Amino acid sequence: MFKCHVCGSQESHADWVSEIFKIQGNFYLVENIPAMVCSRCGEEVFSRETTERVRVMLNQETEPIRSIALGVFSYDEAV
């Protein structure tokens, strides 16, 4: 049974999400991750199996399917 650890809601839905991970100063986008998403606050929860698969994907020497440019902003530099 799902219970959101952020807002306590028990309502969720399955979805496919994207997450950005920062590893040793480098950013990696992982798309199409299966997740349970809280219907109230949007918090994303991954199964242990999914978390392990993403960890292995990012820590092995596998090549990404493509690369993208990433714009960088700094909040403390904002006007």
Protein backbone atom coordinates (compact mmCIF):
# COMPACT_ATOMS: atom_id res chain seq x y z
CA MET A 1 0.00 0.00 0.00
CA PHE A 2 1.28 3.46 -0.94
CA LYS A 3 1.72 6.20 1.65
CA CYS A 4 3.50 9.39 0.63
CA HIS A 5 6.38 10.19 2.99
CA VAL A 6 6.01 13.91 2.17
CA CYS A 7 2.29 14.64 2.59
CA GLY A 8 0.89 11.37 3.97
CA SER A 9 -1.59 10.81 1.13
CA GLN A 10 -2.46 7.22 0.24
CA GLU A 11 -3.52 8.08 -3.32
CA SER A 12 -1.02 7.49 -6.11
CA HIS A 13 -0.77 6.56 -9.75
CA ALA A 14 1.83 4.78 -11.86
CA ASP A 15 3.72 6.99 -14.30
CA TRP A 16 6.95 7.28 -16.26
CA VAL A 17 9.22 10.11 -15.05
CA SER A 18 12.58 11.68 -15.82
CA GLU A 19 15.22 12.55 -13.21
CA ILE A 20 18.52 14.42 -13.31
CA PHE A 21 21.35 12.96 -11.23
CA LYS A 22 24.60 14.71 -10.29
CA ILE A 23 27.57 12.37 -9.96
CA GLN A 24 31.07 13.71 -9.36
CA GLY A 25 30.12 17.12 -10.75
CA ASN A 26 28.52 15.71 -13.92
CA PHE A 27 24.79 15.75 -14.63
CA TYR A 28 22.94 12.79 -16.13
CA LEU A 29 19.33 12.68 -17.31
CA VAL A 30 17.54 9.34 -17.03
CA GLU A 31 14.23 9.21 -18.89
CA ASN A 32 11.27 6.85 -18.71
CA ILE A 33 11.75 5.67 -15.13
CA PRO A 34 8.74 3.76 -13.78
CA ALA A 35 7.48 5.40 -10.58
CA MET A 36 4.53 5.69 -8.25
CA VAL A 37 3.54 9.35 -8.07
CA CYS A 38 1.59 10.87 -5.18
CA SER A 39 -1.71 12.18 -6.51
CA ARG A 40 -1.73 15.01 -3.95
CA CYS A 41 1.80 16.47 -3.97
CA GLY A 42 3.52 14.80 -6.95
CA GLU A 43 6.29 13.11 -4.95
CA GLU A 44 7.86 10.33 -7.01
CA VAL A 45 8.68 6.97 -5.41
CA PHE A 46 10.80 4.29 -7.07
CA SER A 47 10.87 0.58 -6.27
CA ARG A 48 14.10 -0.91 -4.94
CA GLU A 49 14.57 -2.76 -8.21
CA THR A 50 14.19 0.45 -10.24
CA THR A 51 16.57 2.34 -7.94
CA GLU A 52 19.18 -0.39 -8.28
CA ARG A 53 18.85 -0.50 -12.07
CA VAL A 54 19.35 3.29 -12.32
CA ARG A 55 22.34 3.09 -9.94
CA VAL A 56 23.99 0.38 -12.04
CA MET A 57 23.24 2.27 -15.27
CA LEU A 58 24.90 5.45 -14.00
CA ASN A 59 27.90 3.83 -12.33
CA GLN A 60 28.94 1.43 -15.07
CA GLU A 61 30.81 2.49 -18.15
CA THR A 62 27.77 2.35 -20.42
CA GLU A 63 27.27 5.00 -23.06
CA PRO A 64 24.23 7.29 -22.95
CA ILE A 65 21.76 7.03 -25.84
CA ARG A 66 22.31 10.74 -26.65
CA SER A 67 23.72 13.97 -25.19
CA ILE A 68 22.02 17.33 -24.75
CA ALA A 69 23.16 20.87 -23.95
CA LEU A 70 22.11 22.09 -20.52
CA GLY A 71 21.57 25.74 -19.61
CA VAL A 72 22.86 26.60 -16.13
CA PHE A 73 21.47 29.34 -13.90
CA SER A 74 22.56 30.37 -10.41
CA TYR A 75 19.89 31.60 -8.04
CA ASP A 76 22.34 33.84 -6.20
CA GLU A 77 23.28 35.50 -9.51
CA ALA A 78 19.65 36.33 -10.37
CA VAL A 79 18.62 39.98 -10.61
